[in-house]
N, C-alpha and C. Protein backbone atom coordinates (compact mmCIF):
# COMPACT_ATOMS: atom_id res chain seq x y z
N MET A 1 122.02 102.55 117.94
CA MET A 1 120.82 102.28 117.83
C MET A 1 120.56 101.14 119.12
N GLU A 2 119.21 101.11 119.52
CA GLU A 2 118.94 100.63 120.89
C GLU A 2 117.55 99.66 120.48
N TRP A 3 117.10 98.54 120.49
CA TRP A 3 116.46 97.68 120.66
C TRP A 3 115.44 97.83 121.79
N GLN A 4 114.12 97.61 121.47
CA GLN A 4 113.25 97.87 122.72
C GLN A 4 112.00 96.58 122.06
N GLU A 5 111.67 95.78 122.99
CA GLU A 5 110.58 94.95 123.00
C GLU A 5 109.52 95.97 123.29
N ALA A 6 108.08 95.77 122.59
CA ALA A 6 106.94 96.56 122.54
C ALA A 6 105.92 95.83 121.83
N ASP A 7 104.56 96.38 122.50
CA ASP A 7 103.45 96.21 121.79
C ASP A 7 103.56 96.92 120.37
N ALA A 8 103.43 95.97 119.29
CA ALA A 8 103.49 96.62 118.16
C ALA A 8 102.23 97.31 117.75
N GLU A 9 100.70 96.86 118.28
CA GLU A 9 99.67 98.09 118.47
C GLU A 9 99.76 99.28 119.27
N ALA A 10 100.43 99.46 119.99
CA ALA A 10 100.77 100.60 121.05
C ALA A 10 101.69 100.69 121.49
N LEU A 11 102.99 101.25 120.54
CA LEU A 11 103.95 101.81 120.89
C LEU A 11 104.16 102.71 121.87
N PRO A 12 105.12 102.50 122.81
CA PRO A 12 105.35 103.38 124.15
C PRO A 12 106.05 104.66 123.72
N PHE A 13 105.90 105.41 122.51
CA PHE A 13 106.76 106.38 122.03
C PHE A 13 105.71 107.62 121.73
N ALA A 14 106.16 108.86 121.82
CA ALA A 14 105.53 110.04 121.10
C ALA A 14 105.62 110.06 119.62
N ASP A 15 104.57 110.66 119.21
CA ASP A 15 104.41 111.04 117.91
C ASP A 15 105.66 111.71 117.10
N ASP A 16 106.12 111.01 115.90
CA ASP A 16 107.17 111.76 115.24
C ASP A 16 108.44 111.69 115.96
N THR A 17 108.91 110.36 116.72
CA THR A 17 109.92 110.27 117.57
C THR A 17 110.84 110.09 116.93
N PHE A 18 111.38 108.82 115.77
CA PHE A 18 112.46 108.63 115.23
C PHE A 18 112.55 108.87 113.58
N ASP A 19 113.67 108.81 113.49
CA ASP A 19 113.96 109.14 111.92
C ASP A 19 113.99 107.62 111.41
N THR A 20 114.23 106.66 111.91
CA THR A 20 114.09 105.19 111.40
C THR A 20 113.50 104.16 112.21
N VAL A 21 112.50 103.38 111.72
CA VAL A 21 111.60 102.79 112.60
C VAL A 21 111.88 101.17 112.14
N PRO A 22 112.79 100.39 112.53
CA PRO A 22 112.67 99.04 112.23
C PRO A 22 111.75 98.05 112.89
N SER A 23 111.63 97.03 111.82
CA SER A 23 110.84 95.84 112.91
C SER A 23 111.32 94.53 112.12
N CYS A 24 111.86 93.74 112.95
CA CYS A 24 112.71 92.39 112.52
C CYS A 24 111.72 91.52 112.97
N VAL A 25 111.21 91.12 112.06
CA VAL A 25 110.06 89.78 112.35
C VAL A 25 109.55 90.14 113.52
N GLY A 26 108.68 91.27 113.77
CA GLY A 26 108.12 91.45 115.05
C GLY A 26 106.73 91.94 114.49
N VAL A 27 106.52 93.12 113.90
CA VAL A 27 105.10 93.69 113.62
C VAL A 27 104.18 92.81 112.70
N MET A 28 104.96 91.92 112.00
CA MET A 28 104.12 90.87 111.40
C MET A 28 103.25 89.92 111.93
N PHE A 29 103.40 89.83 113.36
CA PHE A 29 102.71 89.02 114.23
C PHE A 29 101.62 89.68 114.97
N ALA A 30 101.73 91.00 114.70
CA ALA A 30 100.72 91.72 115.62
C ALA A 30 99.25 91.16 115.17
N PRO A 31 98.24 91.02 115.66
CA PRO A 31 97.11 90.57 115.42
C PRO A 31 96.23 91.29 114.39
N HIS A 32 96.33 92.74 114.30
CA HIS A 32 95.83 93.59 113.78
C HIS A 32 96.97 94.27 112.82
N HIS A 33 97.05 93.81 111.63
CA HIS A 33 98.36 94.33 110.97
C HIS A 33 98.06 95.86 110.40
N GLN A 34 96.88 96.38 110.01
CA GLN A 34 96.83 97.87 110.06
C GLN A 34 97.35 98.73 111.34
N ALA A 35 96.92 98.18 112.45
CA ALA A 35 97.17 98.81 113.49
C ALA A 35 98.47 99.15 113.84
N GLY A 36 99.24 97.86 113.52
CA GLY A 36 100.62 97.93 113.92
C GLY A 36 101.19 98.70 112.74
N ALA A 37 101.07 98.85 111.58
CA ALA A 37 101.25 99.72 110.62
C ALA A 37 101.24 101.26 110.81
N ASP A 38 99.95 101.44 111.46
CA ASP A 38 99.52 102.98 111.96
C ASP A 38 100.58 103.36 112.88
N GLU A 39 100.91 102.25 113.89
CA GLU A 39 101.87 102.60 114.78
C GLU A 39 103.43 103.01 114.47
N LEU A 40 103.62 102.26 113.55
CA LEU A 40 104.92 102.70 112.72
C LEU A 40 105.23 103.82 112.06
N VAL A 41 104.24 104.16 111.40
CA VAL A 41 103.81 105.50 110.72
C VAL A 41 103.69 106.53 111.87
N ARG A 42 103.14 106.40 112.87
CA ARG A 42 102.81 107.38 113.84
C ARG A 42 103.94 107.84 114.69
N VAL A 43 105.17 106.69 114.98
CA VAL A 43 106.15 106.93 115.54
C VAL A 43 107.48 107.70 114.66
N CYS A 44 107.21 107.33 113.36
CA CYS A 44 108.37 107.89 112.53
C CYS A 44 107.98 109.17 111.84
N ARG A 45 109.30 110.24 112.03
CA ARG A 45 108.97 111.39 111.87
C ARG A 45 109.13 111.53 110.30
N PRO A 46 108.16 112.70 109.86
CA PRO A 46 107.84 112.80 108.59
C PRO A 46 109.20 112.84 107.49
N GLY A 47 109.21 112.08 106.60
CA GLY A 47 110.22 111.91 105.69
C GLY A 47 111.26 110.87 106.20
N GLY A 48 110.93 110.18 107.34
CA GLY A 48 111.76 109.10 107.82
C GLY A 48 111.55 107.98 107.08
N THR A 49 112.32 106.67 107.76
CA THR A 49 112.14 105.44 107.09
C THR A 49 111.55 104.47 107.88
N ILE A 50 110.74 103.52 107.55
CA ILE A 50 110.45 102.34 108.04
C ILE A 50 111.03 101.11 107.56
N GLY A 51 111.53 100.16 108.11
CA GLY A 51 112.12 99.20 107.61
C GLY A 51 111.60 97.88 107.98
N LEU A 52 111.02 96.88 107.42
CA LEU A 52 110.61 95.62 107.76
C LEU A 52 111.40 94.36 107.51
N ILE A 53 111.59 93.45 108.14
CA ILE A 53 112.26 92.12 107.72
C ILE A 53 110.97 91.39 108.16
N SER A 54 110.55 90.50 107.55
CA SER A 54 109.45 89.35 107.47
C SER A 54 109.55 88.29 106.43
N TRP A 55 108.86 87.34 106.49
CA TRP A 55 108.88 86.50 105.56
C TRP A 55 107.45 86.28 104.99
N THR A 56 107.15 85.44 103.96
CA THR A 56 106.07 85.10 103.16
C THR A 56 105.74 83.47 103.50
N PRO A 57 104.44 83.14 103.43
CA PRO A 57 103.88 81.83 103.38
C PRO A 57 104.88 81.06 102.53
N ARG A 58 105.59 81.26 101.49
CA ARG A 58 106.26 80.59 100.37
C ARG A 58 107.72 80.40 100.94
N GLY A 59 108.09 81.31 101.68
CA GLY A 59 109.49 81.33 102.10
C GLY A 59 110.14 82.38 101.75
N SER A 60 109.97 83.09 100.61
CA SER A 60 110.61 83.66 99.62
C SER A 60 109.52 84.85 99.06
N SER A 61 109.79 86.37 99.01
CA SER A 61 108.96 87.20 98.28
C SER A 61 109.50 87.28 96.70
N ALA A 62 110.54 86.56 96.37
CA ALA A 62 110.93 86.62 94.93
C ALA A 62 111.24 85.49 94.37
N SER A 63 110.85 85.11 93.14
CA SER A 63 111.10 83.90 92.44
C SER A 63 112.50 83.67 92.46
N SER A 64 113.04 82.49 92.40
CA SER A 64 114.60 81.98 92.47
C SER A 64 114.59 80.86 91.29
N SER A 65 115.91 81.42 90.49
CA SER A 65 116.08 80.49 89.51
C SER A 65 117.62 80.22 89.85
N ARG A 66 117.71 79.63 90.67
CA ARG A 66 119.40 79.18 91.02
C ARG A 66 119.98 77.92 90.07
N PRO A 67 120.86 78.08 89.40
CA PRO A 67 121.48 76.75 88.51
C PRO A 67 121.61 75.74 89.45
């Protein structure tokens, strides 16, 4: 795996380049979320996987009931 910094709304890769496209707390900061999502889909091969790590305003996307 190789990590590369790039503009989330204009990725410097050809269409259908990757089997897996991860974004770790990156694309969530793109000014135009739809454009960022479109780029992830564009560079991911058909049947590939897109993985995102982000956070929500509340800090968790799931409710927690810890004892």
